[in-house]
Amino acid sequence: MPQRLRPGTRATLQVRQLMPGEFAWIITLLEPETGNVRSTNYSERRYASQDEASAAGKAAVVEFLGRDASDGMEAPRDGKTGRG
């Protein structure tokens, strides 16, 4: 069952090079009170450049944090969610 994000939830964005010419984003959502990891989200798509992956990751962060609370916390089309 999807869970709602609390006000103040923070996100970190990392872009990693997987192989030459292949990049992906990783988003970690953090609990507002404790700073503990709420979930880690990975892009399924691979990007040709770090800039392209970064732009897509920023859009995914906005999508995660900008959702209406009734939508819950599901991964964007491009990503998959790993709760941790």
C-alpha atoms as a PDB file:
ATOM      1  CA  MET A   1       0.000   0.000   0.000  1.00  0.00           C
ATOM      2  CA  PRO A   2       1.459   3.400  -0.936  1.00  0.00           C
ATOM      3  CA  GLN A   3       2.433   5.600   1.982  1.00  0.00           C
ATOM      4  CA  ARG A   4       2.147   9.366   2.091  1.00  0.00           C
ATOM      5  CA  LEU A   5       5.147  11.628   2.329  1.00  0.00           C
ATOM      6  CA  ARG A   6       5.228  13.832   5.400  1.00  0.00           C
ATOM      7  CA  PRO A   7       5.719  17.583   5.130  1.00  0.00           C
ATOM      8  CA  GLY A   8       9.421  18.331   5.354  1.00  0.00           C
ATOM      9  CA  THR A   9      10.534  15.116   3.636  1.00  0.00           C
ATOM     10  CA  ARG A  10      13.944  15.717   2.065  1.00  0.00           C
ATOM     11  CA  ALA A  11      15.541  14.119  -0.956  1.00  0.00           C
ATOM     12  CA  THR A  12      19.095  13.566  -2.113  1.00  0.00           C
ATOM     13  CA  LEU A  13      19.973  13.038  -5.770  1.00  0.00           C
ATOM     14  CA  GLN A  14      23.045  11.172  -6.978  1.00  0.00           C
ATOM     15  CA  VAL A  15      24.087  10.512 -10.553  1.00  0.00           C
ATOM     16  CA  ARG A  16      26.315   7.501 -11.044  1.00  0.00           C
ATOM     17  CA  GLN A  17      28.319   6.379 -14.036  1.00  0.00           C
ATOM     18  CA  LEU A  18      27.591   2.690 -14.569  1.00  0.00           C
ATOM     19  CA  MET A  19      29.847   2.203 -17.590  1.00  0.00           C
ATOM     20  CA  PRO A  20      31.461   4.602 -20.046  1.00  0.00           C
ATOM     21  CA  GLY A  21      28.637   6.602 -21.614  1.00  0.00           C
ATOM     22  CA  GLU A  22      25.971   5.139 -19.288  1.00  0.00           C
ATOM     23  CA  PHE A  23      24.582   7.086 -16.329  1.00  0.00           C
ATOM     24  CA  ALA A  24      21.660   6.619 -13.916  1.00  0.00           C
ATOM     25  CA  TRP A  25      20.126   8.598 -11.042  1.00  0.00           C
ATOM     26  CA  ILE A  26      19.494   7.497  -7.464  1.00  0.00           C
ATOM     27  CA  ILE A  27      17.083   9.391  -5.203  1.00  0.00           C
ATOM     28  CA  THR A  28      17.009   8.839  -1.451  1.00  0.00           C
ATOM     29  CA  LEU A  29      14.013  10.169   0.490  1.00  0.00           C
ATOM     30  CA  LEU A  30      14.707  11.085   4.123  1.00  0.00           C
ATOM     31  CA  GLU A  31      12.296  11.281   7.070  1.00  0.00           C
ATOM     32  CA  PRO A  32      11.871  14.891   8.219  1.00  0.00           C
ATOM     33  CA  GLU A  33      12.120  14.253  11.977  1.00  0.00           C
ATOM     34  CA  THR A  34      14.985  11.779  12.140  1.00  0.00           C
ATOM     35  CA  GLY A  35      16.812  12.074   8.835  1.00  0.00           C
ATOM     36  CA  ASN A  36      16.532   8.293   8.465  1.00  0.00           C
ATOM     37  CA  VAL A  37      16.211   6.837   4.978  1.00  0.00           C
ATOM     38  CA  ARG A  38      12.584   6.343   3.994  1.00  0.00           C
ATOM     39  CA  SER A  39      13.226   4.885   0.543  1.00  0.00           C
ATOM     40  CA  THR A  40      15.784   4.666  -2.213  1.00  0.00           C
ATOM     41  CA  ASN A  41      14.638   5.042  -5.806  1.00  0.00           C
ATOM     42  CA  TYR A  42      16.623   4.067  -8.901  1.00  0.00           C
ATOM     43  CA  SER A  43      16.194   5.057 -12.535  1.00  0.00           C
ATOM     44  CA  GLU A  44      15.491   2.124 -14.806  1.00  0.00           C
ATOM     45  CA  ARG A  45      16.499   4.159 -17.835  1.00  0.00           C
ATOM     46  CA  ARG A  46      20.164   4.692 -18.671  1.00  0.00           C
ATOM     47  CA  TYR A  47      21.321   8.088 -19.904  1.00  0.00           C
ATOM     48  CA  ALA A  48      24.124   8.953 -22.328  1.00  0.00           C
ATOM     49  CA  SER A  49      25.481  11.827 -20.239  1.00  0.00           C
ATOM     50  CA  GLN A  50      25.741  12.936 -16.644  1.00  0.00           C
ATOM     51  CA  ASP A  51      23.858  16.146 -17.476  1.00  0.00           C
ATOM     52  CA  GLU A  52      20.957  14.214 -19.012  1.00  0.00           C
ATOM     53  CA  ALA A  53      20.735  11.879 -16.003  1.00  0.00           C
ATOM     54  CA  SER A  54      20.927  14.834 -13.618  1.00  0.00           C
ATOM     55  CA  ALA A  55      18.090  16.684 -15.374  1.00  0.00           C
ATOM     56  CA  ALA A  56      15.922  13.546 -15.343  1.00  0.00           C
ATOM     57  CA  GLY A  57      16.759  12.939 -11.677  1.00  0.00           C
ATOM     58  CA  LYS A  58      15.816  16.508 -10.744  1.00  0.00           C
ATOM     59  CA  ALA A  59      12.483  16.062 -12.518  1.00  0.00           C
ATOM     60  CA  ALA A  60      11.925  12.809 -10.596  1.00  0.00           C
ATOM     61  CA  VAL A  61      12.672  14.561  -7.270  1.00  0.00           C
ATOM     62  CA  VAL A  62      10.117  17.250  -8.108  1.00  0.00           C
ATOM     63  CA  GLU A  63       7.618  14.528  -9.000  1.00  0.00           C
ATOM     64  CA  PHE A  64       8.203  12.657  -5.720  1.00  0.00           C
ATOM     65  CA  LEU A  65       8.077  15.720  -3.471  1.00  0.00           C
ATOM     66  CA  GLY A  66       5.424  17.588  -5.433  1.00  0.00           C
ATOM     67  CA  ARG A  67       2.801  14.874  -5.439  1.00  0.00           C
ATOM     68  CA  ASP A  68      -0.562  15.413  -3.873  1.00  0.00           C
ATOM     69  CA  ALA A  69      -0.668  13.464  -0.595  1.00  0.00           C
ATOM     70  CA  SER A  70      -3.575  11.382  -1.886  1.00  0.00           C
ATOM     71  CA  ASP A  71      -1.354   9.970  -4.643  1.00  0.00           C
ATOM     72  CA  GLY A  72       0.955   8.236  -2.185  1.00  0.00           C
ATOM     73  CA  MET A  73       4.593   7.526  -2.916  1.00  0.00           C
ATOM     74  CA  GLU A  74       4.964   5.528  -6.086  1.00  0.00           C
ATOM     75  CA  ALA A  75       8.013   5.759  -8.304  1.00  0.00           C
ATOM     76  CA  PRO A  76       7.905   7.948 -11.401  1.00  0.00           C
ATOM     77  CA  ARG A  77       7.478   6.174 -14.728  1.00  0.00           C
ATOM     78  CA  ASP A  78      11.242   5.980 -15.184  1.00  0.00           C
ATOM     79  CA  GLY A  79      12.130   4.660 -11.742  1.00  0.00           C
ATOM     80  CA  LYS A  80      11.587   1.842  -9.354  1.00  0.00           C
ATOM     81  CA  THR A  81      11.194   2.147  -5.618  1.00  0.00           C
ATOM     82  CA  GLY A  82      13.113   0.180  -3.046  1.00  0.00           C
ATOM     83  CA  ARG A  83      11.912   0.759   0.476  1.00  0.00           C
ATOM     84  CA  GLY A  84      14.630   0.724   3.037  1.00  0.00           C
END
